[in-house]
Amino acid sequence: MVSARPPAPRSPGTGRPRTEGSHAPWWRWLVFGLCFSLGFGLTQRLGRMGATTAAKGTVPSFAAQDSPGTRLGELQKRLGVEGHSLRGDLERLAEERRQEGQRQEEESRKATEEQRSQERQEAAQREADRIRLEALNKGPDPAASNPESILLPPPTPDPSAAPEPAAITSPGAAANPP
């Protein structure tokens, strides 16, 4: 059996068989767009120049125009400010930055020291609270008969009082127990 080949695709306008190289590539449209935009831009520029030259009666030129805005000299004249140098003392600025850095470093160091001391105080407070809680949980000591002695610190000896004579021994005497 003999099979027939399918017909080749035909181009829409001519009816001829389409070949691989006959596709309209995208670059043709790009060139067309660039030419169109260039022509449009030139037409617009010439149209603007024709309108301004008709009013002035001069020959058009492509000379550079002044930039818009107010110049610095005009502002200084208007405000009455004298012109002065805009240069800065770089050494002075560097010194100020260095001093600012040292000041910030010192402040951060002080802040960390304060935070550490506060943490130590809080830890000491927590430890004291823990000890009090443990003492309360244990209850009163049966050996302590006076509950006030638990709350009050033990008495300290008075340094102005004279020592007991039995406690003093002469340096040459041997300590013999009786």
N, C-alpha and C. Protein backbone atom coordinates (compact mmCIF):
# COMPACT_ATOMS: atom_id res chain seq x y z
N MET A 1 0.82 -1.16 0.00
CA MET A 1 0.00 0.00 0.00
C MET A 1 0.87 1.23 0.00
N VAL A 2 0.48 2.16 -0.69
CA VAL A 2 1.25 3.39 -0.85
C VAL A 2 0.53 4.48 -0.09
N SER A 3 1.30 5.18 0.75
CA SER A 3 0.67 6.27 1.51
C SER A 3 1.11 7.60 0.91
N ALA A 4 0.24 8.54 0.96
CA ALA A 4 0.53 9.86 0.39
C ALA A 4 1.07 10.77 1.48
N ARG A 5 1.90 11.64 1.06
CA ARG A 5 2.46 12.61 1.99
C ARG A 5 1.41 13.66 2.32
N PRO A 6 1.49 14.16 3.58
CA PRO A 6 0.56 15.25 3.88
C PRO A 6 0.99 16.51 3.14
N PRO A 7 0.06 17.35 2.78
CA PRO A 7 0.42 18.55 2.03
C PRO A 7 1.24 19.49 2.92
N ALA A 8 2.20 20.20 2.33
CA ALA A 8 3.05 21.14 3.05
C ALA A 8 2.23 22.36 3.42
N PRO A 9 2.52 22.97 4.55
CA PRO A 9 1.77 24.16 4.93
C PRO A 9 2.00 25.28 3.92
N ARG A 10 0.96 26.01 3.68
CA ARG A 10 1.03 27.07 2.67
C ARG A 10 1.04 28.42 3.38
N SER A 11 1.72 29.37 2.77
CA SER A 11 1.73 30.71 3.33
C SER A 11 0.39 31.37 3.06
N PRO A 12 -0.09 32.21 3.97
CA PRO A 12 -1.44 32.73 3.85
C PRO A 12 -1.64 33.67 2.66
N GLY A 13 -0.66 34.45 2.29
CA GLY A 13 -0.90 35.44 1.23
C GLY A 13 -0.71 34.91 -0.16
N THR A 14 0.27 34.05 -0.38
CA THR A 14 0.62 33.64 -1.74
C THR A 14 0.08 32.27 -2.10
N GLY A 15 -0.13 31.43 -1.15
CA GLY A 15 -0.61 30.10 -1.43
C GLY A 15 0.52 29.15 -1.80
N ARG A 16 1.74 29.61 -1.80
CA ARG A 16 2.89 28.75 -2.09
C ARG A 16 3.25 27.97 -0.83
N PRO A 17 3.94 26.84 -1.03
CA PRO A 17 4.38 26.08 0.15
C PRO A 17 5.38 26.91 0.97
N ARG A 18 5.21 26.85 2.29
CA ARG A 18 6.06 27.62 3.19
C ARG A 18 7.32 26.82 3.48
N THR A 19 8.46 27.50 3.40
CA THR A 19 9.73 26.86 3.75
C THR A 19 10.17 27.42 5.10
N GLU A 20 11.14 26.76 5.71
CA GLU A 20 11.61 27.16 7.04
C GLU A 20 12.23 28.55 7.02
N GLY A 21 12.90 28.95 6.00
CA GLY A 21 13.57 30.24 5.93
C GLY A 21 12.64 31.38 5.57
N SER A 22 11.40 31.09 5.24
CA SER A 22 10.52 32.16 4.78
C SER A 22 9.72 32.80 5.91
N HIS A 23 9.90 32.34 7.14
CA HIS A 23 9.19 32.98 8.26
C HIS A 23 9.69 34.40 8.42
N ALA A 24 8.79 35.31 8.67
CA ALA A 24 9.18 36.70 8.89
C ALA A 24 9.80 36.79 10.28
N PRO A 25 11.10 37.00 10.40
CA PRO A 25 11.73 37.04 11.72
C PRO A 25 11.35 38.32 12.48
N TRP A 26 11.51 38.27 13.79
CA TRP A 26 11.11 39.37 14.65
C TRP A 26 11.98 40.60 14.43
N TRP A 27 13.20 40.43 13.93
CA TRP A 27 14.09 41.57 13.79
C TRP A 27 13.61 42.54 12.71
N ARG A 28 12.86 42.06 11.77
CA ARG A 28 12.34 42.97 10.75
C ARG A 28 11.38 43.97 11.39
N TRP A 29 10.55 43.48 12.30
CA TRP A 29 9.62 44.36 13.00
C TRP A 29 10.37 45.34 13.91
N LEU A 30 11.47 44.90 14.46
CA LEU A 30 12.28 45.79 15.30
C LEU A 30 12.87 46.92 14.48
N VAL A 31 13.41 46.61 13.31
CA VAL A 31 13.98 47.65 12.45
C VAL A 31 12.88 48.61 12.00
N PHE A 32 11.72 48.06 11.66
CA PHE A 32 10.61 48.91 11.26
C PHE A 32 10.22 49.86 12.40
N GLY A 33 10.14 49.39 13.62
CA GLY A 33 9.77 50.23 14.78
C GLY A 33 10.80 51.30 15.04
N LEU A 34 12.08 50.95 14.93
CA LEU A 34 13.13 51.95 15.16
C LEU A 34 13.08 53.05 14.11
N CYS A 35 12.88 52.69 12.84
CA CYS A 35 12.79 53.70 11.78
C CYS A 35 11.57 54.59 11.99
N PHE A 36 10.47 54.01 12.38
CA PHE A 36 9.25 54.78 12.60
C PHE A 36 9.44 55.77 13.75
N SER A 37 10.05 55.32 14.87
CA SER A 37 10.23 56.21 16.03
C SER A 37 11.22 57.32 15.71
N LEU A 38 12.26 57.04 14.96
CA LEU A 38 13.22 58.07 14.58
C LEU A 38 12.55 59.13 13.71
N GLY A 39 11.78 58.70 12.74
CA GLY A 39 11.07 59.65 11.89
C GLY A 39 10.07 60.47 12.67
N PHE A 40 9.36 59.85 13.60
CA PHE A 40 8.39 60.57 14.40
C PHE A 40 9.08 61.62 15.28
N GLY A 41 10.21 61.25 15.90
CA GLY A 41 10.94 62.19 16.76
C GLY A 41 11.45 63.38 15.98
N LEU A 42 12.01 63.15 14.80
CA LEU A 42 12.51 64.27 13.99
C LEU A 42 11.37 65.17 13.55
N THR A 43 10.26 64.59 13.19
CA THR A 43 9.11 65.39 12.77
C THR A 43 8.62 66.26 13.93
N GLN A 44 8.57 65.72 15.12
CA GLN A 44 8.13 66.49 16.28
C GLN A 44 9.09 67.64 16.56
N ARG A 45 10.38 67.37 16.50
CA ARG A 45 11.38 68.42 16.78
C ARG A 45 11.29 69.54 15.74
N LEU A 46 11.19 69.19 14.49
CA LEU A 46 11.10 70.21 13.45
C LEU A 46 9.79 70.99 13.56
N GLY A 47 8.72 70.30 13.95
CA GLY A 47 7.45 70.98 14.13
C GLY A 47 7.51 71.99 15.26
N ARG A 48 8.17 71.65 16.37
CA ARG A 48 8.30 72.60 17.49
C ARG A 48 9.17 73.79 17.10
N MET A 49 10.23 73.50 16.37
CA MET A 49 11.13 74.60 15.96
C MET A 49 10.43 75.52 14.98
N GLY A 50 9.61 74.99 14.11
CA GLY A 50 8.89 75.82 13.14
C GLY A 50 7.90 76.73 13.82
N ALA A 51 7.26 76.27 14.89
CA ALA A 51 6.29 77.09 15.61
C ALA A 51 6.99 78.22 16.34
N THR A 52 8.17 77.94 16.93
CA THR A 52 8.87 79.00 17.67
C THR A 52 9.55 79.97 16.72
N THR A 53 10.05 79.49 15.57
CA THR A 53 10.74 80.40 14.65
C THR A 53 9.74 81.28 13.91
N ALA A 54 8.54 80.79 13.69
CA ALA A 54 7.54 81.62 13.03
C ALA A 54 7.18 82.80 13.92
N ALA A 55 7.16 82.57 15.24
CA ALA A 55 6.83 83.65 16.15
C ALA A 55 8.00 84.61 16.30
N LYS A 56 9.23 84.11 16.32
CA LYS A 56 10.41 84.95 16.51
C LYS A 56 10.94 85.51 15.20
N GLY A 57 10.79 84.79 14.14
CA GLY A 57 11.33 85.21 12.85
C GLY A 57 12.82 84.98 12.74
N THR A 58 13.35 83.98 13.44
CA THR A 58 14.78 83.67 13.38
C THR A 58 14.98 82.31 12.75
N VAL A 59 16.23 82.03 12.47
CA VAL A 59 16.59 80.75 11.88
C VAL A 59 16.70 79.72 13.00
N PRO A 60 16.12 78.53 12.82
CA PRO A 60 16.20 77.53 13.89
C PRO A 60 17.63 77.02 14.07
N SER A 61 17.95 76.70 15.28
CA SER A 61 19.27 76.13 15.56
C SER A 61 19.12 75.04 16.62
N PHE A 62 20.10 74.18 16.64
CA PHE A 62 20.11 73.11 17.63
C PHE A 62 21.08 73.45 18.76
N ALA A 63 21.16 74.71 19.14
CA ALA A 63 22.08 75.14 20.18
C ALA A 63 21.60 74.65 21.55
N ALA A 64 22.55 74.54 22.45
CA ALA A 64 22.22 74.09 23.81
C ALA A 64 21.42 75.17 24.52
N GLN A 65 20.44 74.74 25.28
CA GLN A 65 19.60 75.66 26.02
C GLN A 65 20.04 75.71 27.47
N ASP A 66 19.70 76.78 28.17
CA ASP A 66 20.01 76.90 29.60
C ASP A 66 19.21 75.85 30.37
N SER A 67 19.84 75.37 31.40
CA SER A 67 19.14 74.40 32.22
C SER A 67 18.12 75.13 33.08
N PRO A 68 17.01 74.49 33.37
CA PRO A 68 15.98 75.15 34.16
C PRO A 68 16.39 75.28 35.63
N GLY A 69 15.81 76.22 36.31
CA GLY A 69 16.08 76.39 37.73
C GLY A 69 16.81 77.68 38.01
N THR A 70 17.12 77.91 39.28
CA THR A 70 17.79 79.11 39.73
C THR A 70 19.23 78.77 40.07
N ARG A 71 20.13 79.59 39.63
CA ARG A 71 21.55 79.36 39.88
C ARG A 71 21.91 79.75 41.31
N LEU A 72 23.02 79.18 41.80
CA LEU A 72 23.46 79.44 43.17
C LEU A 72 23.80 80.91 43.37
N GLY A 73 24.46 81.51 42.41
CA GLY A 73 24.82 82.93 42.52
C GLY A 73 23.59 83.81 42.65
N GLU A 74 22.55 83.49 41.90
CA GLU A 74 21.32 84.27 41.99
C GLU A 74 20.67 84.13 43.35
N LEU A 75 20.67 82.92 43.91
CA LEU A 75 20.11 82.72 45.24
C LEU A 75 20.90 83.48 46.30
N GLN A 76 22.22 83.48 46.19
CA GLN A 76 23.05 84.19 47.16
C GLN A 76 22.79 85.69 47.08
N LYS A 77 22.65 86.24 45.87
CA LYS A 77 22.35 87.67 45.73
C LYS A 77 20.98 87.99 46.31
N ARG A 78 20.01 87.14 46.04
CA ARG A 78 18.66 87.39 46.51
C ARG A 78 18.57 87.32 48.04
N LEU A 79 19.26 86.35 48.65
CA LEU A 79 19.18 86.17 50.09
C LEU A 79 20.22 86.96 50.85
N GLY A 80 21.17 87.55 50.16
CA GLY A 80 22.18 88.37 50.82
C GLY A 80 23.22 87.56 51.57
N VAL A 81 23.46 86.36 51.17
CA VAL A 81 24.45 85.52 51.83
C VAL A 81 25.77 85.67 51.10
N GLU A 82 26.81 85.88 51.89
CA GLU A 82 28.13 86.00 51.27
C GLU A 82 28.62 84.61 50.86
N GLY A 83 29.36 84.56 49.79
CA GLY A 83 29.92 83.29 49.34
C GLY A 83 31.07 82.88 50.23
N HIS A 84 31.08 81.67 50.67
CA HIS A 84 32.17 81.15 51.47
C HIS A 84 32.55 79.77 50.97
N SER A 85 33.69 79.34 51.38
CA SER A 85 34.19 78.06 50.90
C SER A 85 33.35 76.91 51.45
N LEU A 86 33.10 75.95 50.60
CA LEU A 86 32.34 74.80 51.01
C LEU A 86 33.23 73.67 51.52
N ARG A 87 34.51 73.89 51.51
CA ARG A 87 35.44 72.86 51.97
C ARG A 87 35.39 72.76 53.48
N GLY A 88 35.53 71.56 53.97
CA GLY A 88 35.49 71.33 55.40
C GLY A 88 36.86 70.90 55.90
N ASP A 89 37.05 71.04 57.20
CA ASP A 89 38.30 70.60 57.82
C ASP A 89 38.17 69.10 58.10
N LEU A 90 38.81 68.31 57.27
CA LEU A 90 38.66 66.86 57.36
C LEU A 90 39.27 66.29 58.63
N GLU A 91 40.37 66.90 59.08
CA GLU A 91 41.00 66.41 60.31
C GLU A 91 40.08 66.64 61.51
N ARG A 92 39.44 67.80 61.55
CA ARG A 92 38.53 68.12 62.64
C ARG A 92 37.32 67.17 62.61
N LEU A 93 36.80 66.91 61.41
CA LEU A 93 35.67 66.00 61.29
C LEU A 93 36.04 64.59 61.73
N ALA A 94 37.24 64.15 61.35
CA ALA A 94 37.70 62.82 61.75
C ALA A 94 37.86 62.74 63.27
N GLU A 95 38.39 63.81 63.88
CA GLU A 95 38.55 63.84 65.34
C GLU A 95 37.19 63.80 66.04
N GLU A 96 36.23 64.55 65.51
CA GLU A 96 34.89 64.55 66.10
C GLU A 96 34.25 63.17 65.99
N ARG A 97 34.42 62.51 64.87
CA ARG A 97 33.87 61.16 64.71
C ARG A 97 34.53 60.18 65.67
N ARG A 98 35.85 60.32 65.86
CA ARG A 98 36.57 59.45 66.77
C ARG A 98 36.09 59.67 68.20
N GLN A 99 35.92 60.94 68.60
CA GLN A 99 35.44 61.23 69.94
C GLN A 99 34.02 60.73 70.14
N GLU A 100 33.19 60.87 69.12
CA GLU A 100 31.82 60.37 69.19
C GLU A 100 31.82 58.85 69.36
N GLY A 101 32.69 58.17 68.64
CA GLY A 101 32.80 56.72 68.77
C GLY A 101 33.25 56.31 70.16
N GLN A 102 34.22 57.05 70.73
CA GLN A 102 34.69 56.75 72.07
C GLN A 102 33.58 56.99 73.09
N ARG A 103 32.83 58.07 72.89
CA ARG A 103 31.74 58.38 73.82
C ARG A 103 30.68 57.28 73.78
N GLN A 104 30.34 56.84 72.59
CA GLN A 104 29.34 55.78 72.46
C GLN A 104 29.85 54.47 73.07
N GLU A 105 31.13 54.20 72.88
CA GLU A 105 31.72 52.99 73.44
C GLU A 105 31.70 53.05 74.97
N GLU A 106 32.02 54.22 75.53
CA GLU A 106 32.00 54.39 76.98
C GLU A 106 30.58 54.24 77.52
N GLU A 107 29.61 54.81 76.83
CA GLU A 107 28.22 54.68 77.25
C GLU A 107 27.76 53.23 77.22
N SER A 108 28.14 52.50 76.18
CA SER A 108 27.74 51.10 76.10
C SER A 108 28.43 50.29 77.19
N ARG A 109 29.69 50.62 77.51
CA ARG A 109 30.40 49.92 78.58
C ARG A 109 29.72 50.18 79.93
N LYS A 110 29.35 51.45 80.19
CA LYS A 110 28.66 51.77 81.43
C LYS A 110 27.31 51.05 81.52
N ALA A 111 26.61 51.01 80.41
CA ALA A 111 25.30 50.35 80.40
C ALA A 111 25.46 48.86 80.70
N THR A 112 26.47 48.21 80.14
CA THR A 112 26.67 46.79 80.41
C THR A 112 27.08 46.56 81.87
N GLU A 113 27.92 47.47 82.42
CA GLU A 113 28.31 47.34 83.83
C GLU A 113 27.10 47.51 84.74
N GLU A 114 26.25 48.47 84.44
CA GLU A 114 25.04 48.68 85.24
C GLU A 114 24.13 47.46 85.15
N GLN A 115 24.01 46.91 83.96
CA GLN A 115 23.16 45.75 83.77
C GLN A 115 23.72 44.56 84.56
N ARG A 116 25.04 44.37 84.54
CA ARG A 116 25.65 43.27 85.29
C ARG A 116 25.46 43.44 86.78
N SER A 117 25.66 44.68 87.28
CA SER A 117 25.48 44.90 88.73
C SER A 117 24.03 44.69 89.12
N GLN A 118 23.11 45.10 88.28
CA GLN A 118 21.69 44.88 88.57
C GLN A 118 21.38 43.38 88.58
N GLU A 119 21.96 42.64 87.64
CA GLU A 119 21.75 41.19 87.62
C GLU A 119 22.32 40.54 88.88
N ARG A 120 23.50 41.02 89.35
CA ARG A 120 24.08 40.48 90.58
C ARG A 120 23.18 40.76 91.77
N GLN A 121 22.64 41.99 91.84
CA GLN A 121 21.75 42.32 92.95
C GLN A 121 20.49 41.46 92.92
N GLU A 122 19.95 41.26 91.73
CA GLU A 122 18.76 40.43 91.61
C GLU A 122 19.06 38.99 92.01
N ALA A 123 20.25 38.49 91.62
CA ALA A 123 20.62 37.12 91.99
C ALA A 123 20.79 37.01 93.50
N ALA A 124 21.41 38.02 94.13
CA ALA A 124 21.56 38.01 95.59
C ALA A 124 20.20 38.07 96.27
N GLN A 125 19.30 38.87 95.75
CA GLN A 125 17.96 38.97 96.31
C GLN A 125 17.22 37.63 96.19
N ARG A 126 17.35 37.00 95.02
CA ARG A 126 16.70 35.69 94.83
C ARG A 126 17.28 34.66 95.81
N GLU A 127 18.59 34.68 96.01
CA GLU A 127 19.23 33.74 96.94
C GLU A 127 18.76 33.99 98.36
N ALA A 128 18.65 35.27 98.75
CA ALA A 128 18.17 35.59 100.09
C ALA A 128 16.72 35.15 100.25
N ASP A 129 15.91 35.36 99.24
CA ASP A 129 14.52 34.92 99.29
C ASP A 129 14.43 33.39 99.39
N ARG A 130 15.30 32.70 98.65
CA ARG A 130 15.31 31.24 98.70
C ARG A 130 15.69 30.74 100.09
N ILE A 131 16.67 31.38 100.71
CA ILE A 131 17.10 30.97 102.06
C ILE A 131 15.98 31.22 103.06
N ARG A 132 15.31 32.37 102.97
CA ARG A 132 14.18 32.66 103.87
C ARG A 132 13.06 31.64 103.68
N LEU A 133 12.80 31.30 102.42
CA LEU A 133 11.75 30.32 102.16
C LEU A 133 12.09 28.96 102.75
N GLU A 134 13.34 28.56 102.61
CA GLU A 134 13.77 27.28 103.17
C GLU A 134 13.64 27.30 104.69
N ALA A 135 13.99 28.43 105.31
CA ALA A 135 13.89 28.55 106.77
C ALA A 135 12.43 28.48 107.19
N LEU A 136 11.57 29.12 106.44
CA LEU A 136 10.14 29.07 106.77
C LEU A 136 9.57 27.68 106.56
N ASN A 137 10.01 26.99 105.53
CA ASN A 137 9.52 25.65 105.24
C ASN A 137 9.98 24.64 106.29
N LYS A 138 11.17 24.82 106.86
CA LYS A 138 11.68 23.90 107.88
C LYS A 138 10.94 24.08 109.20
N GLY A 139 10.47 25.26 109.44
CA GLY A 139 9.78 25.52 110.70
C GLY A 139 10.77 26.02 111.73
N PRO A 140 10.29 26.30 112.96
CA PRO A 140 11.21 26.80 113.99
C PRO A 140 12.14 25.69 114.48
N ASP A 141 13.33 26.10 114.82
CA ASP A 141 14.34 25.17 115.33
C ASP A 141 13.94 24.77 116.75
N PRO A 142 13.85 23.47 117.06
CA PRO A 142 13.44 23.08 118.41
C PRO A 142 14.46 23.49 119.47
N ALA A 143 15.72 23.67 119.12
CA ALA A 143 16.73 24.08 120.09
C ALA A 143 16.57 25.54 120.46
N ALA A 144 16.00 26.32 119.57
CA ALA A 144 15.83 27.74 119.85
C ALA A 144 14.53 27.91 120.63
N SER A 145 14.66 28.37 121.87
CA SER A 145 13.47 28.53 122.69
C SER A 145 12.88 29.92 122.52
N ASN A 146 13.68 30.87 122.12
CA ASN A 146 13.21 32.25 121.98
C ASN A 146 13.02 32.56 120.49
N PRO A 147 11.79 32.82 120.02
CA PRO A 147 11.60 33.11 118.59
C PRO A 147 12.23 34.43 118.16
N GLU A 148 12.48 35.36 119.09
CA GLU A 148 13.11 36.62 118.73
C GLU A 148 14.56 36.42 118.33
N SER A 149 15.21 35.39 118.87
CA SER A 149 16.61 35.15 118.55
C SER A 149 16.77 34.73 117.09
N ILE A 150 15.71 34.20 116.49
CA ILE A 150 15.78 33.84 115.08
C ILE A 150 15.80 35.10 114.21
N LEU A 151 15.03 36.10 114.61
CA LEU A 151 14.92 37.31 113.82
C LEU A 151 16.08 38.28 114.05
N LEU A 152 16.64 38.29 115.26
CA LEU A 152 17.69 39.25 115.57
C LEU A 152 19.06 38.61 115.35
N PRO A 153 20.03 39.41 114.89
CA PRO A 153 21.38 38.87 114.74
C PRO A 153 22.01 38.64 116.11
N PRO A 154 23.01 37.77 116.21
CA PRO A 154 23.65 37.51 117.52
C PRO A 154 24.37 38.77 118.00
N PRO A 155 24.45 38.98 119.31
CA PRO A 155 25.10 40.19 119.84
C PRO A 155 26.60 40.15 119.54
N THR A 156 27.14 41.33 119.26
CA THR A 156 28.57 41.45 118.99
C THR A 156 29.25 41.94 120.26
N PRO A 157 30.47 41.46 120.54
CA PRO A 157 31.15 41.90 121.77
C PRO A 157 31.55 43.37 121.65
N ASP A 158 31.51 44.05 122.78
CA ASP A 158 31.85 45.47 122.83
C ASP A 158 33.36 45.60 122.87
N PRO A 159 33.97 46.31 121.90
CA PRO A 159 35.44 46.41 121.90
C PRO A 159 35.98 47.27 123.04
N SER A 160 35.16 48.12 123.68
CA SER A 160 35.66 48.97 124.76
C SER A 160 35.73 48.21 126.08
N ALA A 161 35.07 47.08 126.16
CA ALA A 161 35.10 46.30 127.40
C ALA A 161 36.46 45.64 127.56
N ALA A 162 36.92 45.56 128.78
CA ALA A 162 38.23 44.96 129.07
C ALA A 162 38.12 43.45 129.04
N PRO A 163 39.17 42.76 128.56
CA PRO A 163 39.11 41.30 128.55
C PRO A 163 39.17 40.72 129.96
N GLU A 164 38.69 39.54 130.14
CA GLU A 164 38.68 38.87 131.44
C GLU A 164 40.11 38.52 131.85
N PRO A 165 40.44 38.64 133.11
CA PRO A 165 41.81 38.36 133.55
C PRO A 165 42.21 36.89 133.40
N ALA A 166 41.30 35.98 133.47
CA ALA A 166 41.65 34.57 133.35
C ALA A 166 42.08 34.24 131.93
N ALA A 167 41.63 35.05 131.00
CA ALA A 167 41.96 34.79 129.62
C ALA A 167 43.35 35.28 129.29
N ILE A 168 43.91 36.15 130.12
CA ILE A 168 45.25 36.70 129.82
C ILE A 168 46.29 35.85 130.54
N THR A 169 47.31 35.44 129.84
CA THR A 169 48.41 34.68 130.42
C THR A 169 49.68 35.41 130.11
N SER A 170 50.67 35.25 130.91
CA SER A 170 51.94 35.92 130.67
C SER A 170 52.66 35.19 129.56
N PRO A 171 53.48 35.92 128.80
CA PRO A 171 54.15 35.29 127.67
C PRO A 171 55.13 34.19 128.10
N GLY A 172 55.79 34.27 129.23
CA GLY A 172 56.76 33.28 129.65
C GLY A 172 56.15 32.06 130.31
N ALA A 173 54.94 32.15 130.74
CA ALA A 173 54.30 31.06 131.48
C ALA A 173 53.80 30.01 130.50
N ALA A 174 53.98 28.78 130.86
CA ALA A 174 53.51 27.68 130.04
C ALA A 174 52.05 27.44 130.34
N ALA A 175 51.34 27.10 129.37
CA ALA A 175 49.93 26.86 129.58
C ALA A 175 49.76 25.45 130.11
N ASN A 176 49.62 25.32 131.44
CA ASN A 176 49.40 24.02 132.08
C ASN A 176 47.95 23.95 132.51
N PRO A 177 47.29 22.97 132.07
CA PRO A 177 45.91 22.87 132.52
C PRO A 177 45.86 22.42 133.98
N PRO A 178 44.99 22.97 134.82
CA PRO A 178 44.94 22.57 136.23
C PRO A 178 44.28 21.27 136.49
